[in-house]
Protein backbone atom coordinates (compact mmCIF):
# COMPACT_ATOMS: atom_id res chain seq x y z
CA MET A 1 61.28 -12.46 30.58
CA PHE A 2 59.89 -14.84 33.14
CA ASN A 3 57.94 -16.96 30.62
CA PRO A 4 59.14 -16.18 27.06
CA GLU A 5 56.91 -18.88 25.55
CA MET A 6 53.73 -17.12 26.66
CA GLU A 7 55.01 -13.54 26.56
CA THR A 8 56.11 -13.83 22.90
CA ILE A 9 53.42 -16.21 21.67
CA GLY A 10 52.12 -15.60 18.13
CA ARG A 11 48.68 -14.06 17.74
CA ASP A 12 47.09 -17.02 15.96
CA GLU A 13 48.40 -19.50 18.51
CA LEU A 14 47.27 -17.20 21.33
CA LYS A 15 43.73 -16.91 19.96
CA THR A 16 43.46 -20.68 19.69
CA LEU A 17 44.62 -21.04 23.30
CA GLN A 18 42.27 -18.29 24.51
CA LEU A 19 39.26 -19.91 22.81
CA SER A 20 40.02 -23.31 24.30
CA ARG A 21 40.36 -21.85 27.78
CA LEU A 22 37.29 -19.64 27.38
CA GLN A 23 35.16 -22.64 26.38
CA LYS A 24 36.34 -24.58 29.44
CA THR A 25 35.72 -21.60 31.72
CA VAL A 26 32.17 -21.07 30.46
CA ALA A 27 31.36 -24.76 30.86
CA HIS A 28 32.90 -24.80 34.34
CA ALA A 29 30.86 -21.77 35.41
CA TYR A 30 27.63 -23.09 33.88
CA ASN A 31 27.95 -26.56 35.40
CA ASN A 32 29.02 -25.49 38.89
CA VAL A 33 27.66 -22.00 39.68
CA ALA A 34 23.87 -21.68 39.99
CA MET A 35 23.94 -17.95 39.26
CA TYR A 36 25.72 -18.45 35.94
CA ARG A 37 23.50 -21.34 34.95
CA LYS A 38 20.47 -19.12 35.56
CA LYS A 39 21.98 -16.13 33.74
CA LEU A 40 23.00 -18.15 30.69
CA ASP A 41 19.68 -19.98 30.53
CA GLU A 42 17.84 -16.65 30.64
CA ALA A 43 20.06 -15.35 27.84
CA GLY A 44 19.43 -18.50 25.81
CA VAL A 45 23.13 -19.36 25.76
CA ARG A 46 24.74 -22.76 26.31
CA PRO A 47 28.47 -23.43 26.75
CA GLU A 48 28.59 -25.18 23.37
CA ASP A 49 27.47 -21.93 21.71
CA ILE A 50 30.93 -20.45 22.29
CA LYS A 51 32.57 -21.41 18.99
CA SER A 52 34.79 -18.35 18.48
CA LEU A 53 36.26 -15.59 20.63
CA SER A 54 33.71 -13.14 19.25
CA ASP A 55 30.99 -15.32 20.78
CA ILE A 56 32.02 -14.00 24.18
CA ARG A 57 29.54 -11.20 23.44
CA LEU A 58 26.74 -13.76 23.85
CA LEU A 59 27.61 -14.08 27.53
CA PRO A 60 25.98 -11.84 30.17
CA PHE A 61 28.12 -9.42 32.15
CA THR A 62 29.09 -9.99 35.78
CA VAL A 63 28.97 -7.02 38.17
CA LYS A 64 30.07 -6.49 41.75
CA ASP A 65 26.51 -6.88 43.04
CA ASP A 66 26.47 -10.45 41.73
CA LEU A 67 29.23 -11.33 44.18
CA ARG A 68 27.53 -9.43 46.99
CA ASP A 69 24.17 -11.08 46.29
CA ASN A 70 25.82 -14.50 46.50
CA TYR A 71 27.82 -13.70 49.66
CA PRO A 72 29.82 -15.44 50.93
CA PHE A 73 30.52 -18.56 48.83
CA GLY A 74 27.58 -18.77 46.43
CA MET A 75 29.74 -18.22 43.34
CA PHE A 76 32.40 -20.78 44.21
CA ALA A 77 32.60 -23.52 41.58
CA VAL A 78 34.51 -26.10 43.64
CA PRO A 79 33.89 -27.73 47.03
CA MET A 80 35.25 -25.84 50.03
CA LYS A 81 37.76 -28.64 50.64
CA ASP A 82 39.47 -27.55 47.42
CA VAL A 83 39.57 -23.85 48.39
CA VAL A 84 42.92 -23.11 50.04
CA ARG A 85 42.74 -19.29 50.25
CA ILE A 86 40.03 -16.68 50.70
CA HIS A 87 40.32 -12.95 50.12
CA ALA A 88 37.64 -10.28 50.36
CA SER A 89 37.05 -6.59 49.83
CA SER A 90 36.58 -4.23 52.76
CA GLY A 91 32.82 -4.14 52.33
CA THR A 92 32.70 -0.43 53.19
CA THR A 93 29.89 0.18 50.67
CA GLY A 94 27.96 -3.03 51.33
CA LYS A 95 28.66 -6.71 51.78
CA PRO A 96 32.26 -7.60 50.95
CA THR A 97 33.05 -9.36 47.68
CA VAL A 98 34.57 -12.73 48.55
CA VAL A 99 37.02 -14.55 46.29
CA GLY A 100 38.46 -18.04 46.65
CA TYR A 101 41.51 -19.80 45.25
CA THR A 102 42.45 -23.43 44.65
CA ARG A 103 46.09 -24.52 44.66
CA ASN A 104 46.11 -24.23 40.87
CA ASP A 105 44.65 -20.71 41.14
CA LEU A 106 47.46 -19.66 43.47
CA ALA A 107 50.09 -21.14 41.15
CA MET A 108 48.58 -19.29 38.18
CA TRP A 109 48.37 -16.07 40.18
CA SER A 110 52.03 -16.29 41.22
CA GLU A 111 53.02 -16.93 37.60
CA ALA A 112 51.04 -13.90 36.41
CA VAL A 113 52.61 -11.56 38.98
CA ALA A 114 56.12 -12.95 38.42
CA ARG A 115 55.87 -12.11 34.72
CA LEU A 116 54.81 -8.53 35.40
CA ALA A 117 57.39 -8.04 38.14
CA ALA A 118 60.13 -9.18 35.76
CA ALA A 119 58.77 -6.85 33.07
CA GLY A 120 59.01 -3.99 35.58
CA GLY A 121 62.67 -4.68 36.23
CA ALA A 122 62.56 -7.11 39.17
CA THR A 123 65.07 -9.96 39.32
CA GLU A 124 65.94 -12.87 41.59
CA ASN A 125 68.67 -10.70 43.11
CA ASP A 126 66.27 -8.08 44.48
CA ILE A 127 65.34 -7.55 48.12
CA ALA A 128 61.67 -6.61 47.91
CA GLN A 129 59.91 -4.64 50.64
CA ILE A 130 56.14 -5.05 50.45
CA SER A 131 54.47 -2.01 51.98
CA PHE A 132 50.93 -2.99 51.09
CA GLY A 133 48.71 -3.88 54.02
CA TYR A 134 48.51 -7.64 54.53
CA GLY A 135 45.20 -9.35 55.21
CA LEU A 136 42.11 -9.95 53.10
CA PHE A 137 43.37 -7.35 50.56
CA THR A 138 44.86 -9.21 47.56
CA GLY A 139 47.67 -6.79 46.78
CA ALA A 140 50.23 -7.75 49.42
CA LEU A 141 50.07 -11.53 49.13
CA GLY A 142 49.70 -11.32 45.35
CA LEU A 143 53.00 -9.45 44.99
CA HIS A 144 54.55 -11.51 47.81
CA TYR A 145 54.05 -14.86 46.11
CA GLY A 146 54.80 -13.50 42.64
CA LEU A 147 58.13 -12.05 43.73
CA GLU A 148 59.02 -15.24 45.60
CA ARG A 149 58.18 -17.17 42.42
CA LEU A 150 60.62 -14.92 40.60
CA GLY A 151 63.26 -15.72 43.22
CA ALA A 152 63.48 -12.35 44.97
CA THR A 153 63.95 -11.99 48.73
CA VAL A 154 60.69 -10.72 50.23
CA ILE A 155 60.30 -8.52 53.32
CA PRO A 156 56.58 -8.71 54.31
CA ILE A 157 56.61 -5.51 56.37
CA SER A 158 53.04 -4.44 55.51
CA ALA A 159 51.91 -0.80 55.65
CA GLY A 160 52.32 1.68 58.49
CA ASN A 161 55.03 2.57 61.02
CA THR A 162 56.69 4.62 58.32
CA GLU A 163 59.91 5.58 60.08
CA ARG A 164 60.57 1.92 60.90
CA GLN A 165 59.90 1.11 57.24
CA ILE A 166 62.65 3.53 56.25
CA THR A 167 65.06 2.23 58.88
CA LEU A 168 64.63 -1.38 57.72
CA MET A 169 64.77 -0.28 54.11
CA ARG A 170 68.21 1.16 54.82
CA ASP A 171 69.44 -1.63 57.12
CA PHE A 172 68.24 -4.52 54.93
CA GLY A 173 69.43 -2.94 51.69
CA THR A 174 65.99 -3.00 50.10
CA THR A 175 66.21 -2.66 46.31
CA LEU A 176 62.55 -3.03 45.33
CA LEU A 177 59.52 -1.29 46.81
CA VAL A 178 55.91 -2.45 46.52
CA ALA A 179 53.39 0.18 47.63
CA THR A 180 50.57 2.44 46.56
CA PRO A 181 51.90 5.51 44.74
CA SER A 182 50.60 7.81 47.48
CA TYR A 183 52.35 5.81 50.22
CA ALA A 184 55.55 5.61 48.17
CA MET A 185 55.58 9.39 48.02
CA TYR A 186 55.05 9.57 51.78
CA LEU A 187 57.93 7.12 52.30
CA ALA A 188 60.14 9.34 50.13
CA GLU A 189 59.17 12.44 52.12
CA THR A 190 59.88 10.63 55.39
CA ALA A 191 63.27 9.38 54.20
CA GLU A 192 64.23 12.91 53.18
CA ARG A 193 63.06 14.28 56.53
CA MET A 194 65.11 11.61 58.36
CA GLY A 195 68.13 12.52 56.23
CA VAL A 196 68.68 8.95 55.01
CA MET A 197 67.52 9.10 51.40
CA LYS A 198 71.14 8.94 50.21
CA ASP A 199 71.57 5.65 52.10
CA LEU A 200 68.66 3.89 50.39
CA LYS A 201 69.19 1.48 47.48
CA ILE A 202 65.74 1.39 45.92
CA ARG A 203 66.13 0.76 42.17
CA VAL A 204 62.67 -0.58 41.28
CA GLY A 205 59.17 0.48 42.35
CA LEU A 206 56.19 -1.77 41.58
CA PHE A 207 53.08 0.28 42.28
CA GLY A 208 49.39 -0.50 42.14
CA ALA A 209 46.11 -0.67 44.11
CA GLU A 210 45.17 2.91 43.24
CA GLY A 211 45.20 5.08 40.17
CA SER A 212 47.97 7.61 39.70
CA THR A 213 49.22 9.95 37.03
CA VAL A 214 52.46 9.73 35.07
CA GLU A 215 53.48 12.99 36.70
CA LEU A 216 53.19 11.54 40.23
CA ARG A 217 55.07 8.39 39.29
CA ASN A 218 57.82 10.49 37.71
CA GLN A 219 58.19 12.46 40.93
CA ILE A 220 58.52 9.25 42.94
CA ALA A 221 61.05 7.86 40.46
CA GLU A 222 63.13 11.02 40.70
CA ARG A 223 63.12 11.06 44.49
CA PHE A 224 64.19 7.43 44.86
CA GLY A 225 66.31 7.33 41.71
CA ALA A 226 64.38 4.23 40.67
CA VAL A 227 62.56 2.70 37.71
CA VAL A 228 58.88 2.97 38.60
CA THR A 229 56.13 0.95 36.92
CA GLU A 230 52.43 0.40 37.48
CA ASN A 231 50.60 -2.91 37.50
CA TYR A 232 46.89 -3.61 37.34
CA GLY A 233 44.39 -6.11 38.66
CA LEU A 234 41.44 -6.41 40.99
CA SER A 235 40.41 -9.00 43.52
CA GLU A 236 37.23 -10.09 41.75
CA VAL A 237 39.22 -11.47 38.80
CA ILE A 238 42.44 -12.52 40.64
CA GLY A 239 44.17 -9.57 42.32
CA PRO A 240 47.31 -7.95 40.85
CA GLY A 241 48.58 -9.80 37.79
CA VAL A 242 46.24 -8.85 34.97
CA SER A 243 48.60 -6.39 33.29
CA GLY A 244 51.63 -4.27 34.03
CA GLU A 245 54.20 -1.91 32.57
CA CYS A 246 57.64 -2.96 31.45
CA VAL A 247 60.69 -0.74 31.88
CA TYR A 248 60.00 0.95 28.51
CA HIS A 249 56.75 2.49 29.83
CA THR A 250 54.79 1.84 26.64
CA GLY A 251 51.60 0.76 28.38
CA MET A 252 50.65 -2.24 30.48
CA HIS A 253 51.30 -5.67 28.97
CA ILE A 254 48.29 -7.98 29.43
CA ASN A 255 48.72 -11.61 30.47
CA GLU A 256 46.52 -12.56 27.55
CA ASP A 257 46.77 -16.31 27.94
CA LEU A 258 45.30 -15.90 31.44
CA PHE A 259 42.81 -13.03 30.95
CA TYR A 260 40.61 -12.05 28.02
CA ILE A 261 40.01 -8.30 28.01
CA GLU A 262 37.37 -6.31 26.17
CA ILE A 263 37.01 -2.52 25.99
CA ILE A 264 33.36 -1.49 25.75
CA ASP A 265 31.30 1.68 25.63
CA PRO A 266 29.92 1.84 29.21
CA ALA A 267 26.63 3.28 27.94
CA THR A 268 25.89 0.93 25.04
CA CYS A 269 27.98 -2.08 26.21
CA GLU A 270 29.23 -2.43 22.61
CA PRO A 271 32.95 -2.72 21.77
CA VAL A 272 34.67 0.58 21.11
CA LYS A 273 36.77 1.18 18.02
CA ASP A 274 40.44 0.20 18.17
CA GLY A 275 42.37 2.71 20.26
CA GLU A 276 39.31 4.38 21.80
CA TYR A 277 38.81 4.65 25.53
CA GLY A 278 36.11 2.60 27.20
CA GLU A 279 35.34 0.39 30.18
CA VAL A 280 37.60 -2.59 30.83
CA VAL A 281 35.78 -5.95 30.94
CA ILE A 282 37.79 -8.97 32.12
CA THR A 283 37.21 -12.71 31.80
CA PRO A 284 39.83 -14.84 33.61
CA LEU A 285 40.61 -17.92 31.53
CA MET A 286 42.05 -20.33 34.10
CA LYS A 287 40.31 -19.75 37.44
CA GLU A 288 38.92 -22.80 39.18
CA ALA A 289 37.45 -21.70 42.52
CA LEU A 290 35.75 -18.56 41.23
CA PRO A 291 35.24 -18.45 37.45
CA ILE A 292 34.14 -14.99 36.36
CA LEU A 293 32.51 -14.17 33.02
CA ARG A 294 32.84 -10.68 31.53
CA TYR A 295 33.42 -8.74 34.74
CA ARG A 296 32.63 -5.03 34.40
CA THR A 297 35.45 -3.25 36.22
CA HIS A 298 34.29 0.38 35.74
CA ASP A 299 37.94 1.16 34.95
CA LEU A 300 38.61 3.25 31.83
CA SER A 301 41.43 2.39 29.45
CA ARG A 302 42.17 1.58 25.82
CA PHE A 303 44.22 -0.86 23.78
CA LEU A 304 47.54 0.48 22.49
CA PRO A 305 48.81 -0.18 18.95
CA GLY A 306 52.23 -1.36 17.82
CA GLU A 307 54.92 -3.49 19.39
CA CYS A 308 57.03 -2.82 22.47
CA PRO A 309 60.84 -2.61 22.37
CA CYS A 310 60.98 -5.12 25.23
CA GLY A 311 60.13 -7.94 22.81
CA ARG A 312 56.89 -9.04 24.43
CA LYS A 313 54.17 -9.63 21.87
CA THR A 314 51.21 -9.34 24.21
CA GLN A 315 48.54 -6.68 23.76
CA ARG A 316 49.05 -3.56 25.87
CA MET A 317 46.51 -1.34 27.58
CA ALA A 318 46.92 2.28 28.61
CA GLN A 319 47.16 3.36 32.23
CA LEU A 320 43.71 3.93 33.66
CA THR A 321 42.31 7.41 33.15
CA GLY A 322 39.64 7.01 35.83
CA ARG A 323 36.54 5.02 36.65
CA THR A 324 32.98 5.26 35.47
CA ASP A 325 31.82 5.05 39.08
CA ASP A 326 34.21 7.56 40.70
CA MET A 327 33.61 10.10 38.01
CA LEU A 328 32.32 13.36 39.47
CA ILE A 329 29.61 15.22 37.59
CA ILE A 330 30.04 18.92 38.35
CA ARG A 331 27.44 21.18 36.77
CA GLY A 332 26.93 18.65 34.01
CA VAL A 333 30.67 18.17 33.33
CA ASN A 334 32.42 14.82 33.84
CA VAL A 335 35.43 15.30 36.11
CA PHE A 336 37.96 12.63 37.04
CA PRO A 337 40.36 13.05 40.01
CA SER A 338 43.20 11.91 37.72
CA GLN A 339 42.66 15.00 35.56
CA ILE A 340 43.11 17.26 38.59
CA GLU A 341 46.19 15.37 39.76
CA GLY A 342 47.75 15.68 36.31
CA VAL A 343 47.41 19.46 36.50
CA LEU A 344 48.78 19.75 40.04
CA MET A 345 51.86 17.61 39.42
CA ASN A 346 53.03 19.99 36.70
CA ILE A 347 52.97 23.15 38.82
CA GLN A 348 56.07 24.20 40.74
CA GLY A 349 55.85 25.12 44.39
CA ILE A 350 53.10 22.70 45.40
CA GLY A 351 53.39 19.22 46.84
CA PRO A 352 51.86 15.91 45.75
CA HIS A 353 49.15 15.94 48.44
CA TYR A 354 45.73 17.35 47.66
CA GLU A 355 42.03 16.95 48.44
CA ILE A 356 39.02 17.48 46.21
CA VAL A 357 35.94 18.84 47.98
CA VAL A 358 32.55 18.97 46.26
CA THR A 359 29.67 20.89 47.83
CA ARG A 360 26.32 22.31 46.70
CA GLU A 361 25.15 25.84 47.39
CA ASN A 362 21.81 27.19 46.19
CA TYR A 363 21.38 24.10 44.01
CA MET A 364 24.73 24.76 42.33
CA ASP A 365 27.70 22.35 42.54
CA LYS A 366 30.95 23.84 43.83
CA LEU A 367 34.40 22.32 43.30
CA GLU A 368 37.30 23.11 45.62
CA VAL A 369 40.83 21.78 45.33
CA VAL A 370 42.91 21.97 48.52
CA VAL A 371 46.65 21.72 47.82
CA GLU A 372 49.73 21.65 50.04
CA LEU A 373 52.57 24.05 49.41
CA LEU A 374 56.14 22.76 49.43
CA ASP A 375 57.43 25.88 51.19
CA ALA A 376 55.39 27.39 54.05
CA SER A 377 57.11 30.78 53.56
CA LEU A 378 55.03 31.25 50.43
CA LEU A 379 52.03 31.88 52.68
CA GLU A 380 53.74 35.09 53.84
CA SER A 381 53.90 36.51 50.32
CA TRP A 382 50.41 37.38 49.13
CA GLY A 383 51.61 38.20 45.62
CA GLU A 384 53.35 34.88 45.07
CA LEU A 385 50.50 32.98 46.71
CA GLU A 386 47.95 34.62 44.46
CA SER A 387 50.10 33.91 41.42
CA VAL A 388 50.22 30.18 42.20
CA GLN A 389 46.50 30.09 42.92
CA LYS A 390 45.63 31.78 39.65
CA LYS A 391 47.93 29.47 37.70
CA ILE A 392 46.30 26.37 39.18
CA GLN A 393 42.81 27.80 38.57
CA HIS A 394 43.68 28.59 34.97
CA GLU A 395 45.14 25.15 34.26
CA LEU A 396 42.14 23.41 35.87
CA ARG A 397 39.79 25.57 33.79
CA VAL A 398 41.58 24.55 30.59
CA ILE A 399 41.42 20.83 31.43
CA LEU A 400 38.04 20.59 33.17
CA GLN A 401 36.17 23.38 31.39
CA ILE A 402 34.72 24.52 34.72
CA ASP A 403 35.93 26.89 37.43
CA ALA A 404 37.33 25.52 40.68
CA LYS A 405 38.21 27.21 43.94
CA VAL A 406 41.85 26.62 44.88
CA THR A 407 42.95 26.66 48.53
CA LEU A 408 46.66 26.51 49.35
CA VAL A 409 47.66 25.17 52.77
CA SER A 410 50.90 24.69 54.71
CA PRO A 411 53.12 21.64 54.21
CA ASN A 412 52.08 18.50 56.14
CA THR A 413 48.53 19.80 56.62
CA LEU A 414 46.60 17.13 54.70
CA LYS A 415 46.20 13.55 55.82
CA ARG A 416 48.69 10.94 54.59
CA PHE A 417 47.54 7.46 53.58
CA GLU A 418 49.29 4.12 54.09
CA GLY A 419 46.87 2.33 51.77
CA LYS A 420 44.68 3.68 49.01
CA ALA A 421 44.52 7.45 49.12
CA LYS A 422 41.08 9.00 49.58
CA ARG A 423 41.28 12.22 47.63
CA VAL A 424 37.60 13.15 47.27
CA ARG A 425 35.08 14.45 49.80
CA ASP A 426 31.70 14.74 48.12
CA LEU A 427 29.51 16.69 50.55
CA ARG A 428 26.50 17.19 48.28
């Protein structure tokens, strides 16, 4: 463990620490961010009203539009002279969400990532290749500084130029890979095509930035012969570092002394029962530049019961099952891309690359799943092709409870992604 004191802290001591930090965060936001002062005043809440952790429910939620409406620096709680780093979203669906960090924020962030990297199997002896895109995206620099804090050797190669990635991976003796799951799979395919997979030394994969299924991660682990874990975070609350799997794969350990997490019913905004799925709401407990209160992530997860064999005592959350805002509604049925991926990864003969296409004909929604075959020769055998198609259609019908058209295409037909994979084309 990177920080045994915090990762094995007792529940009573943790709750006392969380309450103290929550009270300071609320006061800091109220006193220094006009938006929060207005929101809390309208709700009739003062910082001194937070007397227990359950009082967090008195606080209003924060949503992405709050950051956009206060673009660029309207939610910063410290003078710009104290802000030493700025990150931002791409802004592809509107104004970008801008986040700032003080020196203390960066130190806390590095600590959070170092803990999760160690839980995932990273050590100071690793040579870590970071294949996230560098820039305003928080993923690359978040893992970069966290792994350096752990003591690992970092190769900041960024994304792209895949064959060169593989060459340097072999020449430098890379033992740890940081990437999106979809790009990790593409790297594995490229290494196999180059005939150098046997020369690679990858033993640990730390993946994040996009959702993936257990089935996909297992395929990547098998191809590289590595321990593969997933970590979770988002730029609005810090970046990567909120939670992450350990090598026992029993769920994602939450850095609870740094983040207070609620699971709510997205419709009623009330807490769900223990173990039920709901929307993840995050309140960072130690951020200075950009304090955030009850951020609605739209990510769906649940708390997991019991203790982990790794010895960490922190609460764990399940891998994300999807998002409330990327959920597709097809003929009145809620469909998540992760459900479709889970089906596809369990069917022999098809690859890990797929596309979901949604159209509307005569006022009726149509769902098509385009999937790559592993072997192009299958296209020459109508019987076998039809058998695979029918199997996929049947399995999707069982899971989704609706019919989907399945189109099988040749290997290397669909677009590959170096960053977050874009699996859905909604043409309605």
